[in-house]
Amino acid sequence: MDMKLEVIVVPVSDVDRAKDFYTGLGWRLDADVPTGEDFRVVQMTPPGSPASVIFGTSVTDQAPGSARGLHLIVDDIEAARGELRQGGADPSEVFHDAGGVFHHAGTDARVPGPAPERGSYGSFLSFSDPDGNGWLLQEITTRLPGRLDPTTTAYSSSDDLASALRRAAAAHGEHEARTGAEDPDWPDWYARYMVSEQAGTEPPT
C-alpha cells in the first residue's frame, strides 16, 4: 500500500498575508476555498514539489508560527537563496552542521558556508514566513542508494532536466575517453545514467 505524503498544514494568523508571501516565492495557488466567515482553506505548492501546504482559517489548532523544520530540497542552494531574496523572503546565509549529519535544532552547531566539497545533503539555509513558521532548504545533488524508486524518473522543470542532461553528457564523454571509441548508442547510455543518478544506483561505466 503506497502512502504518499502530499499535504502539510502550516499554521498562520493572517491568511491573505501568508498567501501573498508564498505567492511571491513563486508557489502555485491550487485552491482558495472559503465556506463561511469561520472556515477557509488555501492550498499552495512549491515549484516542482509533489507535496503541498495548506493554511487558512480553522484548519488547525496549532499556534500560528509554531511549525518548524519544514524542508525544501534544491539542487543549487546558492541559486535558490537568490530566488528567495528576490521573492521577498529573508534567508539566512548558507551553512552546514558541525556534526556533518543533517543539522541540529535551531541555530546550534551551524558552520558558515556550504558543506565541505559541497557534499550532497550537507548544505542548508533557513527562512521564515511572516508568522515565523520555520523553513529550511537542503541541497541534494546525488541521492543515496535506495532513496528513490528506480522505476520512476522525474524532473521538476526544464532547467532541472537540462542540468541532468549536461551531467550525463559529461559522464558520457569520460566513458568514450575510456573506451577510445564513439558510442552510437549514447541515448541509451544517457537514459541509464540519468535513471541511476535519480535512484542512487550504480551508474553505467
N, C-alpha and C. Protein backbone atom coordinates (compact mmCIF):
# COMPACT_ATOMS: atom_id res chain seq x y z
N MET A 1 0.85 -1.20 0.00
CA MET A 1 0.00 0.00 0.00
C MET A 1 0.88 1.25 0.00
N ASP A 2 0.84 2.03 -1.08
CA ASP A 2 1.56 3.30 -1.11
C ASP A 2 0.95 4.27 -0.11
N MET A 3 1.81 5.02 0.57
CA MET A 3 1.35 6.09 1.46
C MET A 3 2.15 7.33 1.11
N LYS A 4 1.57 8.21 0.34
CA LYS A 4 2.28 9.36 -0.19
C LYS A 4 1.97 10.61 0.64
N LEU A 5 3.03 11.21 1.18
CA LEU A 5 2.87 12.46 1.91
C LEU A 5 2.61 13.57 0.90
N GLU A 6 1.42 14.16 0.95
CA GLU A 6 1.04 15.14 -0.06
C GLU A 6 0.69 16.51 0.51
N VAL A 7 0.31 16.58 1.78
CA VAL A 7 -0.13 17.86 2.33
C VAL A 7 0.45 18.06 3.73
N ILE A 8 0.96 19.27 3.98
CA ILE A 8 1.42 19.68 5.31
C ILE A 8 0.63 20.93 5.69
N VAL A 9 0.09 20.96 6.89
CA VAL A 9 -0.67 22.11 7.36
C VAL A 9 0.27 23.09 8.05
N VAL A 10 0.21 24.34 7.64
CA VAL A 10 1.06 25.41 8.20
C VAL A 10 0.16 26.40 8.93
N PRO A 11 0.39 26.61 10.23
CA PRO A 11 -0.49 27.49 11.00
C PRO A 11 -0.13 28.97 10.82
N VAL A 12 -1.09 29.76 10.39
CA VAL A 12 -0.86 31.18 10.16
C VAL A 12 -1.95 32.00 10.84
N SER A 13 -1.63 33.27 11.09
CA SER A 13 -2.59 34.16 11.74
C SER A 13 -3.33 35.03 10.73
N ASP A 14 -2.71 35.32 9.60
CA ASP A 14 -3.30 36.19 8.58
C ASP A 14 -3.22 35.44 7.26
N VAL A 15 -4.35 34.92 6.81
CA VAL A 15 -4.36 34.05 5.63
C VAL A 15 -3.92 34.80 4.39
N ASP A 16 -4.43 36.00 4.18
CA ASP A 16 -4.07 36.75 2.98
C ASP A 16 -2.60 37.14 2.97
N ARG A 17 -2.06 37.49 4.13
CA ARG A 17 -0.64 37.82 4.20
C ARG A 17 0.21 36.60 3.86
N ALA A 18 -0.16 35.44 4.39
CA ALA A 18 0.58 34.22 4.08
C ALA A 18 0.47 33.88 2.60
N LYS A 19 -0.72 34.03 2.05
CA LYS A 19 -0.93 33.75 0.63
C LYS A 19 -0.06 34.67 -0.23
N ASP A 20 0.01 35.94 0.11
CA ASP A 20 0.84 36.88 -0.65
C ASP A 20 2.32 36.52 -0.53
N PHE A 21 2.74 36.10 0.66
CA PHE A 21 4.14 35.75 0.88
C PHE A 21 4.54 34.56 0.01
N TYR A 22 3.78 33.49 0.08
CA TYR A 22 4.14 32.29 -0.67
C TYR A 22 3.95 32.47 -2.17
N THR A 23 2.97 33.29 -2.57
CA THR A 23 2.84 33.62 -3.98
C THR A 23 4.08 34.36 -4.47
N GLY A 24 4.60 35.26 -3.65
CA GLY A 24 5.81 35.99 -4.01
C GLY A 24 7.01 35.10 -4.21
N LEU A 25 7.01 33.94 -3.55
CA LEU A 25 8.10 32.99 -3.72
C LEU A 25 7.93 32.12 -4.96
N GLY A 26 6.83 32.33 -5.67
CA GLY A 26 6.60 31.55 -6.88
C GLY A 26 5.82 30.28 -6.67
N TRP A 27 5.19 30.13 -5.50
CA TRP A 27 4.42 28.92 -5.24
C TRP A 27 3.09 28.99 -5.98
N ARG A 28 2.64 27.83 -6.44
CA ARG A 28 1.39 27.74 -7.21
C ARG A 28 0.18 27.74 -6.27
N LEU A 29 -0.79 28.55 -6.58
CA LEU A 29 -2.04 28.55 -5.83
C LEU A 29 -2.94 27.46 -6.40
N ASP A 30 -3.23 26.45 -5.62
CA ASP A 30 -4.08 25.34 -6.06
C ASP A 30 -5.55 25.56 -5.72
N ALA A 31 -5.78 26.18 -4.56
CA ALA A 31 -7.18 26.37 -4.14
C ALA A 31 -7.23 27.46 -3.09
N ASP A 32 -8.32 28.18 -3.10
CA ASP A 32 -8.64 29.15 -2.04
C ASP A 32 -10.15 29.06 -1.86
N VAL A 33 -10.56 28.27 -0.87
CA VAL A 33 -11.97 27.92 -0.73
C VAL A 33 -12.51 28.39 0.62
N PRO A 34 -13.24 29.50 0.65
CA PRO A 34 -13.95 29.88 1.88
C PRO A 34 -15.35 29.25 1.89
N THR A 35 -15.72 28.70 3.02
CA THR A 35 -17.08 28.13 3.12
C THR A 35 -17.90 28.86 4.17
N GLY A 36 -17.45 30.03 4.52
CA GLY A 36 -18.12 30.83 5.53
C GLY A 36 -17.10 31.74 6.19
N GLU A 37 -17.55 32.56 7.10
CA GLU A 37 -16.65 33.50 7.75
C GLU A 37 -15.62 32.82 8.64
N ASP A 38 -15.93 31.61 9.11
CA ASP A 38 -15.05 30.97 10.07
C ASP A 38 -14.32 29.75 9.51
N PHE A 39 -14.35 29.56 8.18
CA PHE A 39 -13.60 28.43 7.62
C PHE A 39 -13.14 28.76 6.20
N ARG A 40 -11.83 28.63 5.99
CA ARG A 40 -11.23 28.91 4.69
C ARG A 40 -10.00 28.02 4.52
N VAL A 41 -9.87 27.44 3.34
CA VAL A 41 -8.75 26.55 3.06
C VAL A 41 -7.99 27.07 1.85
N VAL A 42 -6.69 27.30 2.04
CA VAL A 42 -5.81 27.71 0.94
C VAL A 42 -4.75 26.62 0.77
N GLN A 43 -4.61 26.13 -0.45
CA GLN A 43 -3.56 25.15 -0.74
C GLN A 43 -2.60 25.74 -1.75
N MET A 44 -1.28 25.61 -1.45
CA MET A 44 -0.24 26.11 -2.34
C MET A 44 0.85 25.06 -2.47
N THR A 45 1.55 25.08 -3.61
CA THR A 45 2.56 24.07 -3.87
C THR A 45 3.87 24.74 -4.30
N PRO A 46 4.98 24.42 -3.63
CA PRO A 46 6.28 24.95 -4.07
C PRO A 46 6.62 24.45 -5.47
N PRO A 47 7.41 25.20 -6.23
CA PRO A 47 7.75 24.78 -7.60
C PRO A 47 8.39 23.39 -7.63
N GLY A 48 7.82 22.51 -8.44
CA GLY A 48 8.39 21.18 -8.60
C GLY A 48 8.11 20.21 -7.49
N SER A 49 7.33 20.61 -6.49
CA SER A 49 7.11 19.74 -5.33
C SER A 49 5.90 18.82 -5.55
N PRO A 50 6.04 17.54 -5.16
CA PRO A 50 4.87 16.65 -5.20
C PRO A 50 3.96 16.86 -4.00
N ALA A 51 4.44 17.56 -2.98
CA ALA A 51 3.64 17.83 -1.79
C ALA A 51 3.25 19.30 -1.73
N SER A 52 2.12 19.57 -1.08
CA SER A 52 1.61 20.93 -0.97
C SER A 52 1.47 21.33 0.49
N VAL A 53 1.22 22.61 0.71
CA VAL A 53 0.91 23.09 2.06
C VAL A 53 -0.52 23.62 2.06
N ILE A 54 -1.14 23.51 3.21
CA ILE A 54 -2.47 24.08 3.42
C ILE A 54 -2.41 25.00 4.63
N PHE A 55 -3.03 26.15 4.51
CA PHE A 55 -3.23 27.04 5.65
C PHE A 55 -4.59 27.69 5.45
N GLY A 56 -5.06 28.37 6.47
CA GLY A 56 -6.35 29.00 6.35
C GLY A 56 -6.94 29.35 7.70
N THR A 57 -8.25 29.39 7.75
CA THR A 57 -9.00 29.72 8.96
C THR A 57 -9.65 28.44 9.49
N SER A 58 -9.38 28.13 10.74
CA SER A 58 -9.97 26.96 11.40
C SER A 58 -9.55 25.63 10.76
N VAL A 59 -8.33 25.58 10.21
CA VAL A 59 -7.85 24.31 9.65
C VAL A 59 -6.87 23.60 10.58
N THR A 60 -6.42 24.27 11.64
CA THR A 60 -5.52 23.66 12.60
C THR A 60 -5.64 24.38 13.93
N ASP A 61 -5.37 23.63 15.01
CA ASP A 61 -5.36 24.27 16.32
C ASP A 61 -3.94 24.58 16.78
N GLN A 62 -2.95 24.39 15.90
CA GLN A 62 -1.58 24.78 16.23
C GLN A 62 -1.48 26.30 16.30
N ALA A 63 -0.59 26.78 17.15
CA ALA A 63 -0.39 28.22 17.27
C ALA A 63 0.26 28.76 16.00
N PRO A 64 -0.19 29.89 15.48
CA PRO A 64 0.43 30.47 14.30
C PRO A 64 1.94 30.65 14.50
N GLY A 65 2.70 30.24 13.49
CA GLY A 65 4.16 30.38 13.56
C GLY A 65 4.87 29.27 14.29
N SER A 66 4.15 28.23 14.71
CA SER A 66 4.77 27.18 15.53
C SER A 66 5.40 26.06 14.71
N ALA A 67 5.19 26.04 13.40
CA ALA A 67 5.78 24.98 12.58
C ALA A 67 7.28 25.18 12.46
N ARG A 68 8.04 24.10 12.59
CA ARG A 68 9.49 24.15 12.49
C ARG A 68 9.98 22.98 11.65
N GLY A 69 11.15 23.17 11.06
CA GLY A 69 11.81 22.08 10.37
C GLY A 69 11.14 21.64 9.08
N LEU A 70 10.45 22.55 8.42
CA LEU A 70 9.85 22.24 7.13
C LEU A 70 10.94 22.33 6.06
N HIS A 71 11.19 21.24 5.38
CA HIS A 71 12.33 21.17 4.46
C HIS A 71 11.90 21.24 2.99
N LEU A 72 12.63 22.05 2.25
CA LEU A 72 12.50 22.12 0.80
C LEU A 72 13.83 21.68 0.21
N ILE A 73 13.80 20.81 -0.79
CA ILE A 73 15.01 20.25 -1.37
C ILE A 73 15.33 20.96 -2.68
N VAL A 74 16.57 21.38 -2.84
CA VAL A 74 17.01 22.07 -4.06
C VAL A 74 18.32 21.44 -4.53
N ASP A 75 18.65 21.67 -5.81
CA ASP A 75 19.92 21.14 -6.30
C ASP A 75 20.99 22.21 -6.45
N ASP A 76 20.64 23.47 -6.15
CA ASP A 76 21.63 24.56 -6.15
C ASP A 76 21.21 25.55 -5.08
N ILE A 77 21.80 25.44 -3.91
CA ILE A 77 21.32 26.22 -2.77
C ILE A 77 21.66 27.71 -2.90
N GLU A 78 22.76 28.03 -3.55
CA GLU A 78 23.10 29.44 -3.73
C GLU A 78 22.10 30.12 -4.68
N ALA A 79 21.76 29.44 -5.77
CA ALA A 79 20.78 30.00 -6.70
C ALA A 79 19.41 30.11 -6.02
N ALA A 80 19.06 29.10 -5.24
CA ALA A 80 17.77 29.13 -4.53
C ALA A 80 17.73 30.29 -3.53
N ARG A 81 18.84 30.56 -2.88
CA ARG A 81 18.89 31.69 -1.94
C ARG A 81 18.61 33.00 -2.66
N GLY A 82 19.18 33.16 -3.85
CA GLY A 82 18.93 34.36 -4.63
C GLY A 82 17.47 34.49 -5.00
N GLU A 83 16.84 33.40 -5.36
CA GLU A 83 15.42 33.44 -5.71
C GLU A 83 14.55 33.79 -4.51
N LEU A 84 14.91 33.25 -3.34
CA LEU A 84 14.16 33.59 -2.13
C LEU A 84 14.24 35.08 -1.83
N ARG A 85 15.43 35.64 -1.95
CA ARG A 85 15.60 37.08 -1.70
C ARG A 85 14.79 37.90 -2.69
N GLN A 86 14.81 37.52 -3.95
CA GLN A 86 14.04 38.24 -4.95
C GLN A 86 12.54 38.14 -4.68
N GLY A 87 12.12 37.00 -4.09
CA GLY A 87 10.71 36.78 -3.82
C GLY A 87 10.20 37.43 -2.55
N GLY A 88 11.10 38.06 -1.79
CA GLY A 88 10.66 38.78 -0.60
C GLY A 88 10.95 38.09 0.71
N ALA A 89 11.60 36.92 0.68
CA ALA A 89 11.99 36.25 1.92
C ALA A 89 13.32 36.82 2.41
N ASP A 90 13.70 36.47 3.61
CA ASP A 90 14.96 36.93 4.19
C ASP A 90 15.76 35.70 4.62
N PRO A 91 16.32 34.97 3.65
CA PRO A 91 17.00 33.72 4.00
C PRO A 91 18.32 33.96 4.74
N SER A 92 18.69 32.98 5.54
CA SER A 92 19.99 33.02 6.20
C SER A 92 21.10 32.81 5.18
N GLU A 93 22.32 32.97 5.64
CA GLU A 93 23.44 32.54 4.81
C GLU A 93 23.44 31.02 4.74
N VAL A 94 24.08 30.48 3.73
CA VAL A 94 24.21 29.03 3.61
C VAL A 94 25.10 28.53 4.75
N PHE A 95 24.73 27.38 5.33
CA PHE A 95 25.53 26.80 6.42
C PHE A 95 25.55 25.29 6.30
N HIS A 96 26.47 24.69 7.04
CA HIS A 96 26.45 23.23 7.22
C HIS A 96 26.60 22.96 8.71
N ASP A 97 26.33 21.73 9.10
CA ASP A 97 26.32 21.39 10.52
C ASP A 97 27.70 20.92 10.97
N ALA A 98 28.06 21.27 12.19
CA ALA A 98 29.36 20.87 12.72
C ALA A 98 29.49 19.35 12.80
N GLY A 99 28.36 18.66 13.01
CA GLY A 99 28.41 17.21 13.11
C GLY A 99 28.45 16.51 11.78
N GLY A 100 28.11 17.24 10.71
CA GLY A 100 28.20 16.67 9.38
C GLY A 100 27.05 15.79 8.98
N VAL A 101 26.07 15.60 9.85
CA VAL A 101 24.93 14.76 9.54
C VAL A 101 23.66 15.55 9.83
N PHE A 102 22.86 15.81 8.81
CA PHE A 102 21.65 16.61 8.94
C PHE A 102 21.99 17.93 9.62
N HIS A 103 21.22 18.39 10.59
CA HIS A 103 21.55 19.62 11.30
C HIS A 103 20.90 19.60 12.67
N HIS A 104 21.48 20.36 13.60
CA HIS A 104 20.91 20.48 14.94
C HIS A 104 19.66 21.36 14.92
N ALA A 105 18.93 21.33 16.01
CA ALA A 105 17.75 22.18 16.15
C ALA A 105 18.18 23.64 16.26
N GLY A 106 17.29 24.52 15.86
CA GLY A 106 17.56 25.94 15.98
C GLY A 106 18.80 26.34 15.21
N THR A 107 19.64 27.15 15.85
CA THR A 107 20.87 27.60 15.19
C THR A 107 22.11 26.97 15.81
N ASP A 108 21.92 25.93 16.61
CA ASP A 108 23.06 25.27 17.25
C ASP A 108 23.94 24.59 16.20
N ALA A 109 25.24 24.68 16.41
CA ALA A 109 26.26 23.96 15.62
C ALA A 109 26.25 24.32 14.15
N ARG A 110 25.78 25.51 13.80
CA ARG A 110 25.85 25.94 12.41
C ARG A 110 27.25 26.42 12.08
N VAL A 111 27.77 25.96 10.97
CA VAL A 111 29.08 26.39 10.48
C VAL A 111 28.86 27.16 9.18
N PRO A 112 29.35 28.40 9.09
CA PRO A 112 29.11 29.19 7.87
C PRO A 112 29.65 28.51 6.63
N GLY A 113 28.89 28.66 5.54
CA GLY A 113 29.33 28.15 4.26
C GLY A 113 28.75 26.77 3.96
N PRO A 114 28.81 26.39 2.69
CA PRO A 114 28.28 25.07 2.30
C PRO A 114 29.12 23.94 2.87
N ALA A 115 28.61 22.74 2.74
CA ALA A 115 29.31 21.55 3.24
C ALA A 115 30.66 21.40 2.53
N PRO A 116 31.63 20.83 3.22
CA PRO A 116 32.93 20.60 2.57
C PRO A 116 32.77 19.87 1.25
N GLU A 117 33.46 20.38 0.23
CA GLU A 117 33.40 19.81 -1.11
C GLU A 117 31.97 19.79 -1.66
N ARG A 118 31.11 20.62 -1.06
CA ARG A 118 29.71 20.76 -1.50
C ARG A 118 29.01 19.41 -1.51
N GLY A 119 29.29 18.61 -0.47
CA GLY A 119 28.72 17.27 -0.40
C GLY A 119 27.20 17.28 -0.41
N SER A 120 26.62 16.36 -1.15
CA SER A 120 25.17 16.25 -1.23
C SER A 120 24.59 15.99 0.16
N TYR A 121 23.45 16.59 0.44
CA TYR A 121 22.72 16.50 1.71
C TYR A 121 23.28 17.43 2.80
N GLY A 122 24.43 18.06 2.59
CA GLY A 122 25.10 18.72 3.70
C GLY A 122 24.95 20.22 3.82
N SER A 123 24.40 20.90 2.81
CA SER A 123 24.31 22.37 2.84
C SER A 123 22.86 22.81 3.07
N PHE A 124 22.69 23.83 3.91
CA PHE A 124 21.36 24.28 4.31
C PHE A 124 21.29 25.81 4.33
N LEU A 125 20.08 26.31 4.33
CA LEU A 125 19.79 27.69 4.73
C LEU A 125 18.40 27.69 5.33
N SER A 126 18.09 28.74 6.07
CA SER A 126 16.79 28.82 6.73
C SER A 126 16.10 30.13 6.38
N PHE A 127 14.78 30.12 6.45
CA PHE A 127 13.99 31.34 6.34
C PHE A 127 12.66 31.10 7.03
N SER A 128 11.94 32.17 7.29
CA SER A 128 10.64 32.08 7.96
C SER A 128 9.59 32.85 7.17
N ASP A 129 8.34 32.41 7.32
CA ASP A 129 7.25 33.17 6.72
C ASP A 129 6.87 34.30 7.68
N PRO A 130 5.92 35.16 7.34
CA PRO A 130 5.61 36.30 8.20
C PRO A 130 5.15 35.93 9.61
N ASP A 131 4.62 34.72 9.81
CA ASP A 131 4.21 34.29 11.15
C ASP A 131 5.36 33.69 11.95
N GLY A 132 6.47 33.37 11.27
CA GLY A 132 7.59 32.74 11.95
C GLY A 132 7.68 31.24 11.75
N ASN A 133 6.82 30.66 10.90
CA ASN A 133 6.98 29.25 10.58
C ASN A 133 8.35 29.05 9.93
N GLY A 134 9.09 28.06 10.41
CA GLY A 134 10.48 27.91 10.03
C GLY A 134 10.70 26.91 8.91
N TRP A 135 11.30 27.37 7.82
CA TRP A 135 11.62 26.54 6.67
C TRP A 135 13.13 26.38 6.55
N LEU A 136 13.56 25.25 6.01
CA LEU A 136 14.96 25.05 5.67
C LEU A 136 15.06 24.55 4.23
N LEU A 137 16.07 25.03 3.54
CA LEU A 137 16.43 24.47 2.24
C LEU A 137 17.62 23.55 2.44
N GLN A 138 17.58 22.40 1.81
CA GLN A 138 18.68 21.43 1.85
C GLN A 138 19.10 21.12 0.42
N GLU A 139 20.40 21.20 0.17
CA GLU A 139 20.91 20.93 -1.17
C GLU A 139 21.20 19.44 -1.33
N ILE A 140 20.53 18.81 -2.30
CA ILE A 140 20.78 17.41 -2.63
C ILE A 140 21.07 17.32 -4.11
N THR A 141 22.26 16.87 -4.44
CA THR A 141 22.66 16.76 -5.84
C THR A 141 22.78 15.31 -6.28
N THR A 142 23.07 14.41 -5.36
CA THR A 142 23.15 12.98 -5.66
C THR A 142 22.47 12.23 -4.54
N ARG A 143 21.50 11.40 -4.88
CA ARG A 143 20.76 10.65 -3.87
C ARG A 143 21.54 9.43 -3.41
N LEU A 144 21.41 9.11 -2.14
CA LEU A 144 21.98 7.88 -1.62
C LEU A 144 21.18 6.68 -2.16
N PRO A 145 21.82 5.53 -2.25
CA PRO A 145 21.13 4.36 -2.78
C PRO A 145 19.84 4.06 -2.02
N GLY A 146 18.81 3.72 -2.78
CA GLY A 146 17.54 3.34 -2.18
C GLY A 146 16.64 4.48 -1.80
N ARG A 147 17.07 5.73 -2.06
CA ARG A 147 16.26 6.87 -1.65
C ARG A 147 15.16 7.21 -2.65
N LEU A 148 15.26 6.66 -3.86
CA LEU A 148 14.23 6.91 -4.86
C LEU A 148 13.82 5.59 -5.51
N ASP A 149 12.63 5.56 -6.02
CA ASP A 149 12.14 4.40 -6.73
C ASP A 149 12.89 4.29 -8.07
N PRO A 150 13.65 3.22 -8.28
CA PRO A 150 14.44 3.11 -9.51
C PRO A 150 13.58 2.95 -10.76
N THR A 151 12.29 2.70 -10.59
CA THR A 151 11.41 2.56 -11.75
C THR A 151 10.79 3.89 -12.15
N THR A 152 11.07 4.96 -11.37
CA THR A 152 10.46 6.25 -11.64
C THR A 152 11.54 7.31 -11.80
N THR A 153 11.50 8.03 -12.91
CA THR A 153 12.42 9.13 -13.15
C THR A 153 11.59 10.36 -13.48
N ALA A 154 11.80 11.44 -12.72
CA ALA A 154 11.01 12.65 -12.95
C ALA A 154 11.88 13.87 -12.72
N TYR A 155 11.59 14.94 -13.46
CA TYR A 155 12.29 16.21 -13.32
C TYR A 155 11.27 17.31 -13.12
N SER A 156 11.61 18.23 -12.23
CA SER A 156 10.63 19.22 -11.81
C SER A 156 10.49 20.39 -12.78
N SER A 157 11.47 20.57 -13.69
CA SER A 157 11.42 21.69 -14.60
C SER A 157 12.33 21.40 -15.79
N SER A 158 12.22 22.23 -16.82
CA SER A 158 13.09 22.07 -17.98
C SER A 158 14.54 22.33 -17.60
N ASP A 159 14.77 23.28 -16.67
CA ASP A 159 16.14 23.55 -16.22
C ASP A 159 16.72 22.36 -15.48
N ASP A 160 15.89 21.70 -14.66
CA ASP A 160 16.32 20.52 -13.93
C ASP A 160 16.70 19.40 -14.91
N LEU A 161 15.88 19.20 -15.93
CA LEU A 161 16.17 18.18 -16.93
C LEU A 161 17.44 18.54 -17.71
N ALA A 162 17.59 19.82 -18.06
CA ALA A 162 18.77 20.24 -18.81
C ALA A 162 20.04 20.01 -17.99
N SER A 163 19.98 20.27 -16.69
CA SER A 163 21.14 20.03 -15.83
C SER A 163 21.49 18.55 -15.79
N ALA A 164 20.46 17.70 -15.73
CA ALA A 164 20.70 16.25 -15.72
C ALA A 164 21.32 15.80 -17.03
N LEU A 165 20.87 16.37 -18.15
CA LEU A 165 21.45 16.03 -19.44
C LEU A 165 22.91 16.46 -19.54
N ARG A 166 23.23 17.61 -18.99
CA ARG A 166 24.62 18.08 -19.01
C ARG A 166 25.51 17.15 -18.19
N ARG A 167 25.02 16.72 -17.02
CA ARG A 167 25.81 15.79 -16.20
C ARG A 167 26.00 14.47 -16.93
N ALA A 168 24.93 14.00 -17.59
CA ALA A 168 25.04 12.76 -18.35
C ALA A 168 26.03 12.92 -19.51
N ALA A 169 26.00 14.08 -20.17
CA ALA A 169 26.91 14.32 -21.29
C ALA A 169 28.36 14.31 -20.82
N ALA A 170 28.61 14.95 -19.68
CA ALA A 170 29.98 14.96 -19.15
C ALA A 170 30.45 13.56 -18.79
N ALA A 171 29.58 12.80 -18.13
CA ALA A 171 29.93 11.43 -17.76
C ALA A 171 30.13 10.56 -19.00
N HIS A 172 29.31 10.80 -20.03
CA HIS A 172 29.43 10.01 -21.25
C HIS A 172 30.73 10.34 -21.99
N GLY A 173 31.14 11.60 -21.92
CA GLY A 173 32.42 11.97 -22.50
C GLY A 173 33.57 11.20 -21.87
N GLU A 174 33.51 11.05 -20.54
CA GLU A 174 34.53 10.26 -19.84
C GLU A 174 34.45 8.79 -20.25
N HIS A 175 33.22 8.30 -20.44
CA HIS A 175 33.01 6.92 -20.89
C HIS A 175 33.67 6.69 -22.26
N GLU A 176 33.45 7.62 -23.20
CA GLU A 176 34.05 7.46 -24.53
C GLU A 176 35.57 7.59 -24.48
N ALA A 177 36.06 8.44 -23.58
CA ALA A 177 37.51 8.56 -23.44
C ALA A 177 38.12 7.25 -22.93
N ARG A 178 37.40 6.58 -22.02
CA ARG A 178 37.90 5.31 -21.50
C ARG A 178 37.88 4.22 -22.57
N THR A 179 36.81 4.19 -23.38
CA THR A 179 36.69 3.13 -24.38
C THR A 179 37.47 3.45 -25.64
N GLY A 180 37.78 4.73 -25.86
CA GLY A 180 38.52 5.12 -27.05
C GLY A 180 37.72 5.04 -28.33
N ALA A 181 36.40 5.08 -28.21
CA ALA A 181 35.55 4.98 -29.40
C ALA A 181 34.27 5.75 -29.17
N GLU A 182 33.68 6.23 -30.28
CA GLU A 182 32.38 6.88 -30.19
C GLU A 182 31.31 5.83 -29.88
N ASP A 183 30.34 6.26 -29.11
CA ASP A 183 29.26 5.35 -28.69
C ASP A 183 28.01 5.67 -29.49
N PRO A 184 27.65 4.85 -30.49
CA PRO A 184 26.46 5.15 -31.27
C PRO A 184 25.16 4.99 -30.48
N ASP A 185 25.24 4.27 -29.37
CA ASP A 185 24.05 4.07 -28.53
C ASP A 185 24.02 5.04 -27.35
N TRP A 186 24.55 6.24 -27.57
CA TRP A 186 24.62 7.21 -26.47
C TRP A 186 23.26 7.56 -25.87
N PRO A 187 22.15 7.58 -26.63
CA PRO A 187 20.87 7.87 -25.95
C PRO A 187 20.54 6.84 -24.87
N ASP A 188 20.83 5.55 -25.16
CA ASP A 188 20.57 4.51 -24.16
C ASP A 188 21.46 4.71 -22.95
N TRP A 189 22.73 5.08 -23.19
CA TRP A 189 23.67 5.30 -22.09
C TRP A 189 23.21 6.48 -21.23
N TYR A 190 22.81 7.58 -21.88
CA TYR A 190 22.29 8.75 -21.17
C TYR A 190 21.12 8.33 -20.27
N ALA A 191 20.19 7.56 -20.86
CA ALA A 191 18.98 7.18 -20.12
C ALA A 191 19.35 6.36 -18.89
N ARG A 192 20.26 5.39 -19.05
CA ARG A 192 20.66 4.58 -17.90
C ARG A 192 21.34 5.42 -16.85
N TYR A 193 22.17 6.38 -17.28
CA TYR A 193 22.88 7.24 -16.33
C TYR A 193 21.90 8.12 -15.56
N MET A 194 20.94 8.71 -16.24
CA MET A 194 20.01 9.62 -15.59
C MET A 194 19.09 8.90 -14.63
N VAL A 195 18.66 7.70 -14.99
CA VAL A 195 17.84 6.91 -14.08
C VAL A 195 18.64 6.50 -12.85
N SER A 196 19.88 6.06 -13.06
CA SER A 196 20.71 5.63 -11.92
C SER A 196 21.04 6.79 -11.01
N GLU A 197 21.23 7.98 -11.58
CA GLU A 197 21.53 9.17 -10.77
C GLU A 197 20.37 9.48 -9.83
N GLN A 198 19.16 9.43 -10.36
CA GLN A 198 18.00 9.73 -9.51
C GLN A 198 17.76 8.64 -8.48
N ALA A 199 17.97 7.39 -8.87
CA ALA A 199 17.67 6.28 -7.96
C ALA A 199 18.80 6.01 -6.98
N GLY A 200 19.97 6.60 -7.21
CA GLY A 200 21.10 6.35 -6.33
C GLY A 200 21.72 4.99 -6.53
N THR A 201 21.57 4.42 -7.74
CA THR A 201 22.14 3.13 -8.04
C THR A 201 23.43 3.30 -8.83
N GLU A 202 24.14 2.22 -9.08
CA GLU A 202 25.43 2.27 -9.77
C GLU A 202 25.23 2.75 -11.20
N PRO A 203 25.94 3.81 -11.63
CA PRO A 203 25.77 4.32 -12.99
C PRO A 203 26.49 3.43 -13.99
N PRO A 204 26.16 3.54 -15.27
CA PRO A 204 26.89 2.79 -16.29
C PRO A 204 28.33 3.27 -16.37
N THR A 205 29.21 2.40 -16.83
CA THR A 205 30.63 2.75 -16.94
C THR A 205 31.04 2.81 -18.39
